[in-house]
């Protein structure tokens, strides 16, 4: 499919056809990685990393475990 690069403020904009956007699961506000590879422009959607609490807790050891961190006193109507 061919499309045109258009001026958008002081930058250039590329319109992504709806069918392409749907296929790669991007929407308005999606974050993408833009790079140049072999003289071509490459746009890749960034996916948020998914974490599992069990996997994260497996990485906690006596060596990297820290003590309590003081958070200060109440700043509003909190009851302590």
N, C-alpha and C. Protein backbone atom coordinates (compact mmCIF):
# COMPACT_ATOMS: atom_id res chain seq x y z
N UNK A 1 0.84 -1.17 0.00
CA UNK A 1 0.00 0.00 0.00
C UNK A 1 0.88 1.23 0.00
N UNK A 2 0.52 2.22 -0.75
CA UNK A 2 1.26 3.48 -0.79
C UNK A 2 0.48 4.55 -0.06
N UNK A 3 1.21 5.42 0.62
CA UNK A 3 0.60 6.57 1.31
C UNK A 3 1.58 7.72 1.22
N UNK A 4 1.17 8.91 1.61
CA UNK A 4 2.03 10.08 1.52
C UNK A 4 2.41 10.58 2.91
N UNK A 5 3.63 11.07 3.00
CA UNK A 5 4.09 11.76 4.21
C UNK A 5 3.55 13.18 4.11
N UNK A 6 2.97 13.68 5.20
CA UNK A 6 2.39 15.02 5.18
C UNK A 6 2.99 15.88 6.27
N UNK A 7 3.00 17.18 6.06
CA UNK A 7 3.51 18.12 7.06
C UNK A 7 2.53 18.18 8.22
N UNK A 8 3.08 18.15 9.44
CA UNK A 8 2.27 18.19 10.65
C UNK A 8 3.00 19.10 11.63
N UNK A 9 2.64 20.37 11.64
CA UNK A 9 3.38 21.35 12.43
C UNK A 9 4.77 21.49 11.85
N UNK A 10 5.81 21.39 12.70
CA UNK A 10 7.18 21.44 12.22
C UNK A 10 7.73 20.06 11.89
N UNK A 11 6.90 19.04 12.00
CA UNK A 11 7.32 17.67 11.76
C UNK A 11 6.62 17.11 10.53
N UNK A 12 6.86 15.85 10.29
CA UNK A 12 6.17 15.14 9.22
C UNK A 12 5.32 14.04 9.84
N UNK A 13 4.19 13.76 9.25
CA UNK A 13 3.29 12.74 9.78
C UNK A 13 3.01 11.66 8.74
N UNK A 14 2.78 10.48 9.24
CA UNK A 14 2.47 9.34 8.39
C UNK A 14 1.13 8.79 8.83
N UNK A 15 0.19 8.70 7.93
CA UNK A 15 -1.11 8.13 8.26
C UNK A 15 -1.04 6.62 8.13
N UNK A 16 -1.56 5.94 9.12
CA UNK A 16 -1.58 4.48 9.11
C UNK A 16 -3.00 4.05 8.79
N UNK A 17 -3.19 3.32 7.71
CA UNK A 17 -4.54 2.87 7.36
C UNK A 17 -5.14 2.03 8.49
N UNK A 18 -6.44 2.13 8.67
CA UNK A 18 -7.15 1.45 9.75
C UNK A 18 -6.88 -0.06 9.75
N UNK A 19 -6.85 -0.67 8.58
CA UNK A 19 -6.63 -2.11 8.53
C UNK A 19 -5.26 -2.48 9.08
N UNK A 20 -4.24 -1.67 8.80
CA UNK A 20 -2.90 -1.93 9.33
C UNK A 20 -2.90 -1.71 10.84
N UNK A 21 -3.51 -0.62 11.29
CA UNK A 21 -3.55 -0.31 12.73
C UNK A 21 -4.25 -1.42 13.50
N UNK A 22 -5.33 -1.93 12.95
CA UNK A 22 -6.06 -3.01 13.61
C UNK A 22 -5.20 -4.27 13.68
N UNK A 23 -4.52 -4.57 12.58
CA UNK A 23 -3.71 -5.79 12.53
C UNK A 23 -2.57 -5.77 13.54
N UNK A 24 -1.93 -4.62 13.75
CA UNK A 24 -0.81 -4.54 14.69
C UNK A 24 -1.24 -4.03 16.06
N UNK A 25 -2.53 -3.84 16.24
CA UNK A 25 -3.13 -3.44 17.52
C UNK A 25 -2.58 -2.12 18.05
N UNK A 26 -2.63 -1.08 17.21
CA UNK A 26 -2.30 0.27 17.65
C UNK A 26 -3.53 1.15 17.47
N UNK A 27 -3.61 2.16 18.32
CA UNK A 27 -4.71 3.11 18.26
C UNK A 27 -4.15 4.50 18.57
N UNK A 28 -4.99 5.49 18.49
CA UNK A 28 -4.56 6.84 18.83
C UNK A 28 -3.96 6.84 20.23
N UNK A 29 -2.78 7.42 20.37
CA UNK A 29 -2.11 7.47 21.66
C UNK A 29 -1.15 6.32 21.92
N UNK A 30 -1.14 5.31 21.04
CA UNK A 30 -0.21 4.19 21.20
C UNK A 30 1.22 4.69 21.06
N UNK A 31 2.14 4.06 21.80
CA UNK A 31 3.55 4.39 21.70
C UNK A 31 4.21 3.42 20.73
N UNK A 32 5.03 3.97 19.84
CA UNK A 32 5.73 3.15 18.87
C UNK A 32 7.22 3.46 18.93
N UNK A 33 8.01 2.52 18.45
CA UNK A 33 9.45 2.71 18.33
C UNK A 33 9.74 3.00 16.86
N UNK A 34 10.41 4.10 16.59
CA UNK A 34 10.72 4.52 15.23
C UNK A 34 12.22 4.42 15.03
N UNK A 35 12.64 3.69 13.99
CA UNK A 35 14.07 3.53 13.74
C UNK A 35 14.33 3.44 12.24
N UNK A 36 15.62 3.54 11.90
CA UNK A 36 16.04 3.41 10.50
C UNK A 36 16.85 2.13 10.40
N UNK A 37 16.47 1.25 9.49
CA UNK A 37 17.19 0.01 9.25
C UNK A 37 17.40 -0.17 7.75
N UNK A 38 18.64 -0.36 7.37
CA UNK A 38 18.99 -0.58 5.97
C UNK A 38 18.38 0.48 5.05
N UNK A 39 18.41 1.73 5.48
CA UNK A 39 17.90 2.82 4.67
C UNK A 39 16.39 2.93 4.64
N UNK A 40 15.70 2.12 5.43
CA UNK A 40 14.24 2.17 5.47
C UNK A 40 13.75 2.63 6.84
N UNK A 41 12.55 3.11 6.88
CA UNK A 41 11.91 3.57 8.11
C UNK A 41 11.12 2.41 8.71
N UNK A 42 11.37 2.11 9.98
CA UNK A 42 10.71 0.99 10.63
C UNK A 42 9.92 1.51 11.83
N UNK A 43 8.64 1.19 11.86
CA UNK A 43 7.76 1.60 12.96
C UNK A 43 7.25 0.34 13.63
N UNK A 44 7.54 0.20 14.93
CA UNK A 44 7.10 -0.99 15.67
C UNK A 44 6.31 -0.57 16.89
N UNK A 45 5.15 -1.17 17.11
CA UNK A 45 4.39 -0.84 18.32
C UNK A 45 5.14 -1.34 19.56
N UNK A 46 5.10 -0.56 20.63
CA UNK A 46 5.69 -0.97 21.90
C UNK A 46 4.59 -1.58 22.75
N UNK A 47 4.87 -2.68 23.32
CA UNK A 47 3.92 -3.37 24.19
C UNK A 47 4.38 -3.20 25.63
N UNK A 48 3.45 -2.93 26.50
CA UNK A 48 3.77 -2.85 27.92
C UNK A 48 4.17 -4.23 28.43
N UNK A 49 5.16 -4.26 29.29
CA UNK A 49 5.58 -5.54 29.85
C UNK A 49 4.55 -6.00 30.85
N UNK A 50 4.29 -7.29 30.85
CA UNK A 50 3.36 -7.87 31.81
C UNK A 50 4.16 -8.57 32.88
N UNK A 51 3.86 -8.26 34.11
CA UNK A 51 4.58 -8.82 35.24
C UNK A 51 3.68 -9.75 36.03
N UNK A 52 4.27 -10.79 36.55
CA UNK A 52 3.57 -11.69 37.45
C UNK A 52 4.21 -11.54 38.82
N UNK A 53 3.39 -11.34 39.85
CA UNK A 53 3.92 -11.08 41.18
C UNK A 53 4.83 -12.22 41.65
N UNK A 54 4.50 -13.44 41.32
CA UNK A 54 5.33 -14.58 41.72
C UNK A 54 6.73 -14.51 41.10
N UNK A 55 6.79 -14.15 39.83
CA UNK A 55 8.09 -14.05 39.15
C UNK A 55 8.91 -12.91 39.74
N UNK A 56 8.27 -11.80 40.07
CA UNK A 56 8.99 -10.68 40.67
C UNK A 56 9.51 -11.04 42.05
N UNK A 57 8.70 -11.72 42.84
CA UNK A 57 9.11 -12.07 44.20
C UNK A 57 10.24 -13.09 44.22
N UNK A 58 10.34 -13.91 43.18
CA UNK A 58 11.44 -14.87 43.10
C UNK A 58 12.80 -14.16 43.04
N UNK A 59 12.79 -12.93 42.58
CA UNK A 59 14.04 -12.17 42.44
C UNK A 59 14.46 -11.47 43.72
N UNK A 60 13.62 -11.49 44.75
CA UNK A 60 13.96 -10.86 46.02
C UNK A 60 14.84 -11.82 46.81
N UNK A 61 15.99 -11.31 47.23
CA UNK A 61 16.92 -12.11 48.03
C UNK A 61 17.28 -11.32 49.29
N UNK A 62 17.95 -11.98 50.23
CA UNK A 62 18.42 -11.26 51.42
C UNK A 62 19.37 -10.14 51.03
N UNK A 63 20.09 -10.34 49.95
CA UNK A 63 21.07 -9.34 49.52
C UNK A 63 20.43 -8.07 48.95
N UNK A 64 19.30 -8.19 48.26
CA UNK A 64 18.70 -7.00 47.64
C UNK A 64 17.46 -6.51 48.39
N UNK A 65 17.13 -7.13 49.51
CA UNK A 65 15.98 -6.72 50.30
C UNK A 65 16.37 -5.52 51.17
N UNK A 66 15.59 -4.48 51.10
CA UNK A 66 15.90 -3.29 51.91
C UNK A 66 14.92 -3.19 53.07
N UNK A 67 15.27 -2.37 54.03
CA UNK A 67 14.42 -2.18 55.20
C UNK A 67 13.27 -1.23 54.89
N UNK A 68 12.58 -0.86 55.94
CA UNK A 68 11.46 0.06 55.78
C UNK A 68 11.95 1.42 55.33
N UNK A 69 11.12 2.11 54.59
CA UNK A 69 11.44 3.44 54.11
C UNK A 69 10.46 4.41 54.76
N UNK A 70 10.97 5.40 55.51
CA UNK A 70 10.05 6.33 56.15
C UNK A 70 9.29 7.15 55.10
N UNK A 71 7.99 7.23 55.27
CA UNK A 71 7.16 7.94 54.32
C UNK A 71 6.68 9.27 54.88
N UNK A 72 7.06 9.61 56.10
CA UNK A 72 6.63 10.86 56.71
C UNK A 72 5.28 10.70 57.38
N UNK A 73 4.83 11.78 57.99
CA UNK A 73 3.55 11.77 58.67
C UNK A 73 2.40 12.02 57.73
N UNK A 74 1.19 12.07 58.28
CA UNK A 74 0.03 12.32 57.43
C UNK A 74 0.08 13.73 56.83
N UNK A 75 -0.43 13.87 55.64
CA UNK A 75 -0.43 15.18 54.96
C UNK A 75 -1.84 15.70 54.72
N UNK A 76 -2.81 14.87 54.98
CA UNK A 76 -4.20 15.28 54.74
C UNK A 76 -5.05 14.81 55.90
N UNK A 77 -6.11 14.11 55.58
CA UNK A 77 -7.04 13.63 56.62
C UNK A 77 -6.85 12.14 56.92
N UNK A 78 -5.65 11.64 56.61
CA UNK A 78 -5.39 10.23 56.88
C UNK A 78 -5.46 9.95 58.39
N UNK A 79 -5.86 8.77 58.72
CA UNK A 79 -5.87 8.35 60.12
C UNK A 79 -4.74 7.35 60.28
N UNK A 80 -3.79 7.62 61.20
CA UNK A 80 -2.64 6.75 61.40
C UNK A 80 -2.73 6.09 62.73
